[in-house]
Amino acid sequence: PFTSDTSTAFDIATRFLAGLRVLPAPVAQSDAQAIAAAARAGDPTAAYRLGAMYERGRGVEADAGEAERWY
């Protein structure tokens, strides 16, 4: 990975995902993994983002139960 710091990885992934609102594209698996790592480390913003990803099926398989868990 480009960094082992989950906060930095989350920041980079979030900035990348924010750009996707303008140019739709699939979420890269590495970005989803960075957000998931930050969520597991206790970052509440990452947990919310991961919940949204599970709800919409962006970067991960859509899963209502996982979305609820992370929200």
PDB file of N, CA and C in Angstrom:
ATOM      1  N   PRO A   1       0.817  -1.206   0.000  1.00  0.00           N
ATOM      2  CA  PRO A   1       0.000   0.000   0.000  1.00  0.00           C
ATOM      3  C   PRO A   1       0.854   1.262   0.000  1.00  0.00           C
ATOM      4  N   PHE A   2       0.285   2.369  -0.459  1.00  0.00           N
ATOM      5  CA  PHE A   2       1.024   3.624  -0.535  1.00  0.00           C
ATOM      6  C   PHE A   2       1.261   4.226   0.841  1.00  0.00           C
ATOM      7  N   THR A   3       0.476   3.874   1.841  1.00  0.00           N
ATOM      8  CA  THR A   3       0.674   4.366   3.206  1.00  0.00           C
ATOM      9  C   THR A   3       0.052   3.386   4.194  1.00  0.00           C
ATOM     10  N   SER A   4       0.637   3.283   5.364  1.00  0.00           N
ATOM     11  CA  SER A   4       0.055   2.429   6.406  1.00  0.00           C
ATOM     12  C   SER A   4      -0.746   3.271   7.393  1.00  0.00           C
ATOM     13  N   ASP A   5      -0.734   4.581   7.208  1.00  0.00           N
ATOM     14  CA  ASP A   5      -1.484   5.478   8.076  1.00  0.00           C
ATOM     15  C   ASP A   5      -2.935   5.529   7.597  1.00  0.00           C
ATOM     16  N   THR A   6      -3.866   4.971   8.393  1.00  0.00           N
ATOM     17  CA  THR A   6      -5.253   4.869   7.948  1.00  0.00           C
ATOM     18  C   THR A   6      -5.901   6.232   7.753  1.00  0.00           C
ATOM     19  N   SER A   7      -5.525   7.209   8.541  1.00  0.00           N
ATOM     20  CA  SER A   7      -6.107   8.540   8.398  1.00  0.00           C
ATOM     21  C   SER A   7      -5.709   9.159   7.060  1.00  0.00           C
ATOM     22  N   THR A   8      -4.447   9.021   6.699  1.00  0.00           N
ATOM     23  CA  THR A   8      -3.976   9.547   5.416  1.00  0.00           C
ATOM     24  C   THR A   8      -4.626   8.803   4.265  1.00  0.00           C
ATOM     25  N   ALA A   9      -4.692   7.484   4.372  1.00  0.00           N
ATOM     26  CA  ALA A   9      -5.309   6.682   3.316  1.00  0.00           C
ATOM     27  C   ALA A   9      -6.775   7.069   3.141  1.00  0.00           C
ATOM     28  N   PHE A  10      -7.471   7.274   4.261  1.00  0.00           N
ATOM     29  CA  PHE A  10      -8.871   7.675   4.182  1.00  0.00           C
ATOM     30  C   PHE A  10      -9.008   9.033   3.510  1.00  0.00           C
ATOM     31  N   ASP A  11      -8.158   9.978   3.864  1.00  0.00           N
ATOM     32  CA  ASP A  11      -8.211  11.306   3.270  1.00  0.00           C
ATOM     33  C   ASP A  11      -8.007  11.235   1.764  1.00  0.00           C
ATOM     34  N   ILE A  12      -7.041  10.467   1.333  1.00  0.00           N
ATOM     35  CA  ILE A  12      -6.765  10.324  -0.091  1.00  0.00           C
ATOM     36  C   ILE A  12      -7.960   9.672  -0.793  1.00  0.00           C
ATOM     37  N   ALA A  13      -8.490   8.607  -0.201  1.00  0.00           N
ATOM     38  CA  ALA A  13      -9.623   7.902  -0.803  1.00  0.00           C
ATOM     39  C   ALA A  13     -10.849   8.803  -0.869  1.00  0.00           C
ATOM     40  N   THR A  14     -11.086   9.576   0.175  1.00  0.00           N
ATOM     41  CA  THR A  14     -12.237  10.479   0.196  1.00  0.00           C
ATOM     42  C   THR A  14     -12.120  11.541  -0.883  1.00  0.00           C
ATOM     43  N   ARG A  15     -10.925  12.089  -1.034  1.00  0.00           N
ATOM     44  CA  ARG A  15     -10.730  13.095  -2.089  1.00  0.00           C
ATOM     45  C   ARG A  15     -10.954  12.485  -3.465  1.00  0.00           C
ATOM     46  N   PHE A  16     -10.503  11.249  -3.660  1.00  0.00           N
ATOM     47  CA  PHE A  16     -10.706  10.556  -4.922  1.00  0.00           C
ATOM     48  C   PHE A  16     -12.195  10.338  -5.174  1.00  0.00           C
ATOM     49  N   LEU A  17     -12.911   9.848  -4.156  1.00  0.00           N
ATOM     50  CA  LEU A  17     -14.331   9.578  -4.318  1.00  0.00           C
ATOM     51  C   LEU A  17     -15.133  10.855  -4.563  1.00  0.00           C
ATOM     52  N   ALA A  18     -14.736  11.950  -3.958  1.00  0.00           N
ATOM     53  CA  ALA A  18     -15.435  13.214  -4.160  1.00  0.00           C
ATOM     54  C   ALA A  18     -15.405  13.613  -5.625  1.00  0.00           C
ATOM     55  N   GLY A  19     -14.317  13.330  -6.295  1.00  0.00           N
ATOM     56  CA  GLY A  19     -14.210  13.640  -7.716  1.00  0.00           C
ATOM     57  C   GLY A  19     -15.111  12.777  -8.572  1.00  0.00           C
ATOM     58  N   LEU A  20     -15.485  11.610  -8.070  1.00  0.00           N
ATOM     59  CA  LEU A  20     -16.334  10.721  -8.851  1.00  0.00           C
ATOM     60  C   LEU A  20     -17.756  11.259  -8.983  1.00  0.00           C
ATOM     61  N   ARG A  21     -18.140  12.206  -8.157  1.00  0.00           N
ATOM     62  CA  ARG A  21     -19.472  12.797  -8.296  1.00  0.00           C
ATOM     63  C   ARG A  21     -19.564  13.573  -9.607  1.00  0.00           C
ATOM     64  N   VAL A  22     -18.432  14.044 -10.073  1.00  0.00           N
ATOM     65  CA  VAL A  22     -18.403  14.803 -11.313  1.00  0.00           C
ATOM     66  C   VAL A  22     -18.196  13.867 -12.497  1.00  0.00           C
ATOM     67  N   LEU A  23     -17.308  12.939 -12.365  1.00  0.00           N
ATOM     68  CA  LEU A  23     -17.004  11.983 -13.430  1.00  0.00           C
ATOM     69  C   LEU A  23     -17.296  10.567 -12.928  1.00  0.00           C
ATOM     70  N   PRO A  24     -18.506  10.050 -13.139  1.00  0.00           N
ATOM     71  CA  PRO A  24     -18.861   8.732 -12.611  1.00  0.00           C
ATOM     72  C   PRO A  24     -17.901   7.651 -13.102  1.00  0.00           C
ATOM     73  N   ALA A  25     -17.460   6.839 -12.176  1.00  0.00           N
ATOM     74  CA  ALA A  25     -16.572   5.719 -12.466  1.00  0.00           C
ATOM     75  C   ALA A  25     -16.649   4.779 -11.277  1.00  0.00           C
ATOM     76  N   PRO A  26     -16.309   3.526 -11.457  1.00  0.00           N
ATOM     77  CA  PRO A  26     -16.344   2.617 -10.327  1.00  0.00           C
ATOM     78  C   PRO A  26     -15.304   3.000  -9.277  1.00  0.00           C
ATOM     79  N   VAL A  27     -15.617   2.711  -8.032  1.00  0.00           N
ATOM     80  CA  VAL A  27     -14.672   2.953  -6.945  1.00  0.00           C
ATOM     81  C   VAL A  27     -13.604   1.868  -7.025  1.00  0.00           C
ATOM     82  N   ALA A  28     -12.351   2.277  -7.046  1.00  0.00           N
ATOM     83  CA  ALA A  28     -11.259   1.313  -7.108  1.00  0.00           C
ATOM     84  C   ALA A  28     -11.250   0.479  -5.832  1.00  0.00           C
ATOM     85  N   GLN A  29     -10.934  -0.787  -5.958  1.00  0.00           N
ATOM     86  CA  GLN A  29     -10.913  -1.674  -4.805  1.00  0.00           C
ATOM     87  C   GLN A  29      -9.951  -1.179  -3.734  1.00  0.00           C
ATOM     88  N   SER A  30      -8.822  -0.617  -4.142  1.00  0.00           N
ATOM     89  CA  SER A  30      -7.857  -0.119  -3.158  1.00  0.00           C
ATOM     90  C   SER A  30      -8.436   1.044  -2.361  1.00  0.00           C
ATOM     91  N   ASP A  31      -9.279   1.870  -2.990  1.00  0.00           N
ATOM     92  CA  ASP A  31      -9.919   2.973  -2.274  1.00  0.00           C
ATOM     93  C   ASP A  31     -10.936   2.445  -1.275  1.00  0.00           C
ATOM     94  N   ALA A  32     -11.718   1.468  -1.682  1.00  0.00           N
ATOM     95  CA  ALA A  32     -12.687   0.855  -0.780  1.00  0.00           C
ATOM     96  C   ALA A  32     -11.962   0.216   0.402  1.00  0.00           C
ATOM     97  N   GLN A  33     -10.828  -0.411   0.146  1.00  0.00           N
ATOM     98  CA  GLN A  33     -10.054  -1.037   1.216  1.00  0.00           C
ATOM     99  C   GLN A  33      -9.501   0.007   2.179  1.00  0.00           C
ATOM    100  N   ALA A  34      -9.064   1.145   1.664  1.00  0.00           N
ATOM    101  CA  ALA A  34      -8.540   2.209   2.521  1.00  0.00           C
ATOM    102  C   ALA A  34      -9.641   2.768   3.418  1.00  0.00           C
ATOM    103  N   ILE A  35     -10.829   2.967   2.867  1.00  0.00           N
ATOM    104  CA  ILE A  35     -11.940   3.471   3.654  1.00  0.00           C
ATOM    105  C   ILE A  35     -12.357   2.449   4.702  1.00  0.00           C
ATOM    106  N   ALA A  36     -12.410   1.181   4.326  1.00  0.00           N
ATOM    107  CA  ALA A  36     -12.769   0.126   5.276  1.00  0.00           C
ATOM    108  C   ALA A  36     -11.746   0.033   6.406  1.00  0.00           C
ATOM    109  N   ALA A  37     -10.467   0.170   6.083  1.00  0.00           N
ATOM    110  CA  ALA A  37      -9.423   0.113   7.114  1.00  0.00           C
ATOM    111  C   ALA A  37      -9.587   1.257   8.102  1.00  0.00           C
ATOM    112  N   ALA A  38      -9.870   2.451   7.597  1.00  0.00           N
ATOM    113  CA  ALA A  38     -10.067   3.603   8.481  1.00  0.00           C
ATOM    114  C   ALA A  38     -11.316   3.419   9.336  1.00  0.00           C
ATOM    115  N   ALA A  39     -12.376   2.862   8.764  1.00  0.00           N
ATOM    116  CA  ALA A  39     -13.607   2.613   9.527  1.00  0.00           C
ATOM    117  C   ALA A  39     -13.350   1.603  10.643  1.00  0.00           C
ATOM    118  N   ARG A  40     -12.633   0.526  10.321  1.00  0.00           N
ATOM    119  CA  ARG A  40     -12.307  -0.480  11.341  1.00  0.00           C
ATOM    120  C   ARG A  40     -11.421   0.095  12.435  1.00  0.00           C
ATOM    121  N   ALA A  41     -10.630   1.116  12.097  1.00  0.00           N
ATOM    122  CA  ALA A  41      -9.747   1.753  13.074  1.00  0.00           C
ATOM    123  C   ALA A  41     -10.503   2.748  13.955  1.00  0.00           C
ATOM    124  N   GLY A  42     -11.789   2.939  13.671  1.00  0.00           N
ATOM    125  CA  GLY A  42     -12.608   3.794  14.520  1.00  0.00           C
ATOM    126  C   GLY A  42     -12.905   5.178  13.993  1.00  0.00           C
ATOM    127  N   ASP A  43     -12.580   5.456  12.742  1.00  0.00           N
ATOM    128  CA  ASP A  43     -12.851   6.770  12.160  1.00  0.00           C
ATOM    129  C   ASP A  43     -14.342   6.857  11.817  1.00  0.00           C
ATOM    130  N   PRO A  44     -15.103   7.726  12.496  1.00  0.00           N
ATOM    131  CA  PRO A  44     -16.549   7.782  12.261  1.00  0.00           C
ATOM    132  C   PRO A  44     -16.932   8.263  10.860  1.00  0.00           C
ATOM    133  N   THR A  45     -16.135   9.143  10.271  1.00  0.00           N
ATOM    134  CA  THR A  45     -16.426   9.608   8.920  1.00  0.00           C
ATOM    135  C   THR A  45     -16.241   8.470   7.923  1.00  0.00           C
ATOM    136  N   ALA A  46     -15.204   7.687   8.124  1.00  0.00           N
ATOM    137  CA  ALA A  46     -14.965   6.533   7.253  1.00  0.00           C
ATOM    138  C   ALA A  46     -16.075   5.505   7.413  1.00  0.00           C
ATOM    139  N   ALA A  47     -16.538   5.301   8.653  1.00  0.00           N
ATOM    140  CA  ALA A  47     -17.621   4.342   8.897  1.00  0.00           C
ATOM    141  C   ALA A  47     -18.880   4.773   8.148  1.00  0.00           C
ATOM    142  N   TYR A  48     -19.191   6.059   8.191  1.00  0.00           N
ATOM    143  CA  TYR A  48     -20.364   6.563   7.470  1.00  0.00           C
ATOM    144  C   TYR A  48     -20.189   6.367   5.968  1.00  0.00           C
ATOM    145  N   ARG A  49     -19.009   6.713   5.462  1.00  0.00           N
ATOM    146  CA  ARG A  49     -18.733   6.555   4.030  1.00  0.00           C
ATOM    147  C   ARG A  49     -18.857   5.089   3.615  1.00  0.00           C
ATOM    148  N   LEU A  50     -18.335   4.191   4.458  1.00  0.00           N
ATOM    149  CA  LEU A  50     -18.416   2.765   4.147  1.00  0.00           C
ATOM    150  C   LEU A  50     -19.874   2.308   4.136  1.00  0.00           C
ATOM    151  N   GLY A  51     -20.664   2.809   5.076  1.00  0.00           N
ATOM    152  CA  GLY A  51     -22.089   2.482   5.080  1.00  0.00           C
ATOM    153  C   GLY A  51     -22.754   2.919   3.785  1.00  0.00           C
ATOM    154  N   ALA A  52     -22.424   4.122   3.329  1.00  0.00           N
ATOM    155  CA  ALA A  52     -22.992   4.622   2.074  1.00  0.00           C
ATOM    156  C   ALA A  52     -22.542   3.767   0.887  1.00  0.00           C
ATOM    157  N   MET A  53     -21.295   3.338   0.917  1.00  0.00           N
ATOM    158  CA  MET A  53     -20.795   2.491  -0.167  1.00  0.00           C
ATOM    159  C   MET A  53     -21.552   1.168  -0.211  1.00  0.00           C
ATOM    160  N   TYR A  54     -21.777   0.560   0.951  1.00  0.00           N
ATOM    161  CA  TYR A  54     -22.544  -0.686   0.996  1.00  0.00           C
ATOM    162  C   TYR A  54     -23.995  -0.459   0.580  1.00  0.00           C
ATOM    163  N   GLU A  55     -24.554   0.669   0.965  1.00  0.00           N
ATOM    164  CA  GLU A  55     -25.936   0.957   0.607  1.00  0.00           C
ATOM    165  C   GLU A  55     -26.096   1.085  -0.907  1.00  0.00           C
ATOM    166  N   ARG A  56     -25.139   1.730  -1.554  1.00  0.00           N
ATOM    167  CA  ARG A  56     -25.230   2.001  -2.992  1.00  0.00           C
ATOM    168  C   ARG A  56     -24.492   0.987  -3.869  1.00  0.00           C
ATOM    169  N   GLY A  57     -23.698   0.122  -3.246  1.00  0.00           N
ATOM    170  CA  GLY A  57     -22.930  -0.838  -4.027  1.00  0.00           C
ATOM    171  C   GLY A  57     -21.807  -0.186  -4.808  1.00  0.00           C
ATOM    172  N   ARG A  58     -21.151   0.835  -4.224  1.00  0.00           N
ATOM    173  CA  ARG A  58     -20.038   1.515  -4.889  1.00  0.00           C
ATOM    174  C   ARG A  58     -18.725   1.043  -4.291  1.00  0.00           C
ATOM    175  N   GLY A  59     -17.990   0.272  -5.055  1.00  0.00           N
ATOM    176  CA  GLY A  59     -16.698  -0.229  -4.602  1.00  0.00           C
ATOM    177  C   GLY A  59     -16.794  -1.516  -3.807  1.00  0.00           C
ATOM    178  N   VAL A  60     -18.007  -1.868  -3.410  1.00  0.00           N
ATOM    179  CA  VAL A  60     -18.280  -3.105  -2.671  1.00  0.00           C
ATOM    180  C   VAL A  60     -19.615  -3.654  -3.172  1.00  0.00           C
ATOM    181  N   GLU A  61     -19.868  -4.904  -2.876  1.00  0.00           N
ATOM    182  CA  GLU A  61     -21.169  -5.501  -3.198  1.00  0.00           C
ATOM    183  C   GLU A  61     -22.234  -4.849  -2.312  1.00  0.00           C
ATOM    184  N   ALA A  62     -23.345  -4.405  -2.910  1.00  0.00           N
ATOM    185  CA  ALA A  62     -24.424  -3.797  -2.121  1.00  0.00           C
ATOM    186  C   ALA A  62     -24.896  -4.792  -1.060  1.00  0.00           C
ATOM    187  N   ASP A  63     -25.033  -4.294   0.168  1.00  0.00           N
ATOM    188  CA  ASP A  63     -25.430  -5.148   1.287  1.00  0.00           C
ATOM    189  C   ASP A  63     -26.091  -4.263   2.354  1.00  0.00           C
ATOM    190  N   ALA A  64     -27.415  -4.350   2.462  1.00  0.00           N
ATOM    191  CA  ALA A  64     -28.171  -3.502   3.387  1.00  0.00           C
ATOM    192  C   ALA A  64     -27.747  -3.726   4.842  1.00  0.00           C
ATOM    193  N   GLY A  65     -27.457  -4.971   5.205  1.00  0.00           N
ATOM    194  CA  GLY A  65     -27.032  -5.275   6.566  1.00  0.00           C
ATOM    195  C   GLY A  65     -25.698  -4.630   6.921  1.00  0.00           C
ATOM    196  N   GLU A  66     -24.752  -4.698   5.987  1.00  0.00           N
ATOM    197  CA  GLU A  66     -23.448  -4.062   6.212  1.00  0.00           C
ATOM    198  C   GLU A  66     -23.588  -2.542   6.231  1.00  0.00           C
ATOM    199  N   ALA A  67     -24.459  -2.013   5.370  1.00  0.00           N
ATOM    200  CA  ALA A  67     -24.690  -0.572   5.368  1.00  0.00           C
ATOM    201  C   ALA A  67     -25.201  -0.130   6.730  1.00  0.00           C
ATOM    202  N   GLU A  68     -26.177  -0.845   7.255  1.00  0.00           N
ATOM    203  CA  GLU A  68     -26.724  -0.506   8.574  1.00  0.00           C
ATOM    204  C   GLU A  68     -25.655  -0.618   9.659  1.00  0.00           C
ATOM    205  N   ARG A  69     -24.849  -1.648   9.584  1.00  0.00           N
ATOM    206  CA  ARG A  69     -23.782  -1.847  10.572  1.00  0.00           C
ATOM    207  C   ARG A  69     -22.839  -0.652  10.615  1.00  0.00           C
ATOM    208  N   TRP A  70     -22.431  -0.170   9.442  1.00  0.00           N
ATOM    209  CA  TRP A  70     -21.446   0.916   9.407  1.00  0.00           C
ATOM    210  C   TRP A  70     -22.069   2.278   9.659  1.00  0.00           C
ATOM    211  N   TYR A  71     -23.354   2.438   9.300  1.00  0.00           N
ATOM    212  CA  TYR A  71     -24.031   3.691   9.650  1.00  0.00           C
ATOM    213  C   TYR A  71     -24.160   3.776  11.156  1.00  0.00           C
TER     214      TYR A  71
END
